[in-house]
Amino acid sequence: MECICRQKRVRLSYEKKCARLRSQGADGAESFAIKRTKAAISDHRIKLNISLASVNALSQRVVVVHDEPAARGAHPNPSHNP
């Protein structure tokens, strides 16, 4: 859950930086400011990709763990007696 919350914060910050870059382009900002914003966006994109990979890996692991009892022929609830 923490990973998803962190991803949401990074994504929101990324979107704000993208909006800032569009604004800077429209306002004719200094090139150093635009470069700094582009670098921040690149950093956020890397963090987003890492977060997405972490969430995907965790999701795949949950599926595997969930499916293990079924693969062995056991019921997921050990107290279940047919």
C-alpha atoms as a PDB file:
ATOM      1  CA  MET A   1       0.000   0.000   0.000  1.00  0.00           C
ATOM      2  CA  GLU A   2       2.866   2.335   0.810  1.00  0.00           C
ATOM      3  CA  CYS A   3       4.268   1.748  -2.650  1.00  0.00           C
ATOM      4  CA  ILE A   4       0.994   2.811  -4.268  1.00  0.00           C
ATOM      5  CA  CYS A   5       0.778   5.962  -2.123  1.00  0.00           C
ATOM      6  CA  ARG A   6       4.358   6.876  -3.015  1.00  0.00           C
ATOM      7  CA  GLN A   7       3.571   6.304  -6.685  1.00  0.00           C
ATOM      8  CA  LYS A   8       0.559   8.609  -6.449  1.00  0.00           C
ATOM      9  CA  ARG A   9       2.649  11.391  -4.875  1.00  0.00           C
ATOM     10  CA  VAL A  10       5.338  11.059  -7.540  1.00  0.00           C
ATOM     11  CA  ARG A  11       2.728  11.040 -10.320  1.00  0.00           C
ATOM     12  CA  LEU A  12       1.073  14.204  -8.976  1.00  0.00           C
ATOM     13  CA  SER A  13       4.435  15.935  -8.694  1.00  0.00           C
ATOM     14  CA  TYR A  14       5.285  14.762 -12.230  1.00  0.00           C
ATOM     15  CA  GLU A  15       2.047  16.239 -13.566  1.00  0.00           C
ATOM     16  CA  LYS A  16       2.761  19.552 -11.825  1.00  0.00           C
ATOM     17  CA  LYS A  17       6.249  19.671 -13.334  1.00  0.00           C
ATOM     18  CA  CYS A  18       4.807  18.963 -16.801  1.00  0.00           C
ATOM     19  CA  ALA A  19       2.302  21.786 -16.341  1.00  0.00           C
ATOM     20  CA  ARG A  20       5.135  24.073 -15.213  1.00  0.00           C
ATOM     21  CA  LEU A  21       7.161  23.159 -18.308  1.00  0.00           C
ATOM     22  CA  ARG A  22       4.225  23.982 -20.596  1.00  0.00           C
ATOM     23  CA  SER A  23       3.799  27.283 -18.769  1.00  0.00           C
ATOM     24  CA  GLN A  24       7.494  28.082 -19.044  1.00  0.00           C
ATOM     25  CA  GLY A  25       7.410  27.362 -22.767  1.00  0.00           C
ATOM     26  CA  ALA A  26       4.397  29.603 -23.271  1.00  0.00           C
ATOM     27  CA  ASP A  27       5.868  32.395 -21.139  1.00  0.00           C
ATOM     28  CA  GLY A  28       9.275  32.301 -22.827  1.00  0.00           C
ATOM     29  CA  ALA A  29      11.188  31.369 -19.662  1.00  0.00           C
ATOM     30  CA  GLU A  30      14.972  31.295 -19.467  1.00  0.00           C
ATOM     31  CA  SER A  31      16.584  28.212 -20.982  1.00  0.00           C
ATOM     32  CA  PHE A  32      18.254  27.232 -17.674  1.00  0.00           C
ATOM     33  CA  ALA A  33      14.853  27.148 -15.958  1.00  0.00           C
ATOM     34  CA  ILE A  34      13.410  24.980 -18.718  1.00  0.00           C
ATOM     35  CA  LYS A  35      16.405  22.618 -18.540  1.00  0.00           C
ATOM     36  CA  ARG A  36      16.028  22.359 -14.761  1.00  0.00           C
ATOM     37  CA  THR A  37      12.327  21.516 -15.109  1.00  0.00           C
ATOM     38  CA  LYS A  38      13.065  18.927 -17.822  1.00  0.00           C
ATOM     39  CA  ALA A  39      15.647  17.311 -15.540  1.00  0.00           C
ATOM     40  CA  ALA A  40      13.107  17.168 -12.698  1.00  0.00           C
ATOM     41  CA  ILE A  41      10.544  15.597 -15.057  1.00  0.00           C
ATOM     42  CA  SER A  42      13.088  12.998 -16.154  1.00  0.00           C
ATOM     43  CA  ASP A  43      13.847  12.176 -12.516  1.00  0.00           C
ATOM     44  CA  HIS A  44      10.138  11.812 -11.756  1.00  0.00           C
ATOM     45  CA  ARG A  45       9.646   9.591 -14.817  1.00  0.00           C
ATOM     46  CA  ILE A  46      12.391   7.273 -13.554  1.00  0.00           C
ATOM     47  CA  LYS A  47      10.782   7.143 -10.100  1.00  0.00           C
ATOM     48  CA  LEU A  48       7.392   6.382 -11.666  1.00  0.00           C
ATOM     49  CA  ASN A  49       8.832   3.549 -13.730  1.00  0.00           C
ATOM     50  CA  ILE A  50      10.477   2.053 -10.638  1.00  0.00           C
ATOM     51  CA  SER A  51       7.240   2.358  -8.652  1.00  0.00           C
ATOM     52  CA  LEU A  52       5.228   0.732 -11.437  1.00  0.00           C
ATOM     53  CA  ALA A  53       7.709  -2.124 -11.678  1.00  0.00           C
ATOM     54  CA  SER A  54       7.514  -2.626  -7.896  1.00  0.00           C
ATOM     55  CA  VAL A  55       3.728  -2.676  -7.910  1.00  0.00           C
ATOM     56  CA  ASN A  56       3.668  -5.096 -10.855  1.00  0.00           C
ATOM     57  CA  ALA A  57       6.148  -7.432  -9.163  1.00  0.00           C
ATOM     58  CA  LEU A  58       4.154  -7.351  -5.945  1.00  0.00           C
ATOM     59  CA  SER A  59       0.905  -8.035  -7.820  1.00  0.00           C
ATOM     60  CA  GLN A  60       2.449 -10.992  -9.631  1.00  0.00           C
ATOM     61  CA  ARG A  61       3.732 -12.394  -6.345  1.00  0.00           C
ATOM     62  CA  VAL A  62       0.277 -12.055  -4.762  1.00  0.00           C
ATOM     63  CA  VAL A  63      -1.246 -13.971  -7.683  1.00  0.00           C
ATOM     64  CA  VAL A  64       1.358 -16.735  -7.372  1.00  0.00           C
ATOM     65  CA  VAL A  65       0.881 -17.060  -3.617  1.00  0.00           C
ATOM     66  CA  HIS A  66      -2.899 -17.009  -4.025  1.00  0.00           C
ATOM     67  CA  ASP A  67      -2.797 -19.720  -6.712  1.00  0.00           C
ATOM     68  CA  GLU A  68      -0.341 -22.032  -4.905  1.00  0.00           C
ATOM     69  CA  PRO A  69      -2.937 -23.882  -2.777  1.00  0.00           C
ATOM     70  CA  ALA A  70      -5.134 -24.432  -5.838  1.00  0.00           C
ATOM     71  CA  ALA A  71      -2.179 -25.808  -7.788  1.00  0.00           C
ATOM     72  CA  ARG A  72      -1.540 -28.377  -5.021  1.00  0.00           C
ATOM     73  CA  GLY A  73      -5.215 -29.326  -4.994  1.00  0.00           C
ATOM     74  CA  ALA A  74      -5.709 -27.892  -1.522  1.00  0.00           C
ATOM     75  CA  HIS A  75      -8.504 -25.560  -0.592  1.00  0.00           C
ATOM     76  CA  PRO A  76      -7.280 -22.011   0.231  1.00  0.00           C
ATOM     77  CA  ASN A  77      -9.106 -22.256   3.576  1.00  0.00           C
ATOM     78  CA  PRO A  78      -7.442 -25.091   5.556  1.00  0.00           C
ATOM     79  CA  SER A  79     -10.456 -25.435   7.870  1.00  0.00           C
ATOM     80  CA  HIS A  80     -12.655 -26.308   4.887  1.00  0.00           C
ATOM     81  CA  ASN A  81     -13.687 -29.961   4.995  1.00  0.00           C
ATOM     82  CA  PRO A  82     -15.796 -31.081   2.009  1.00  0.00           C
END
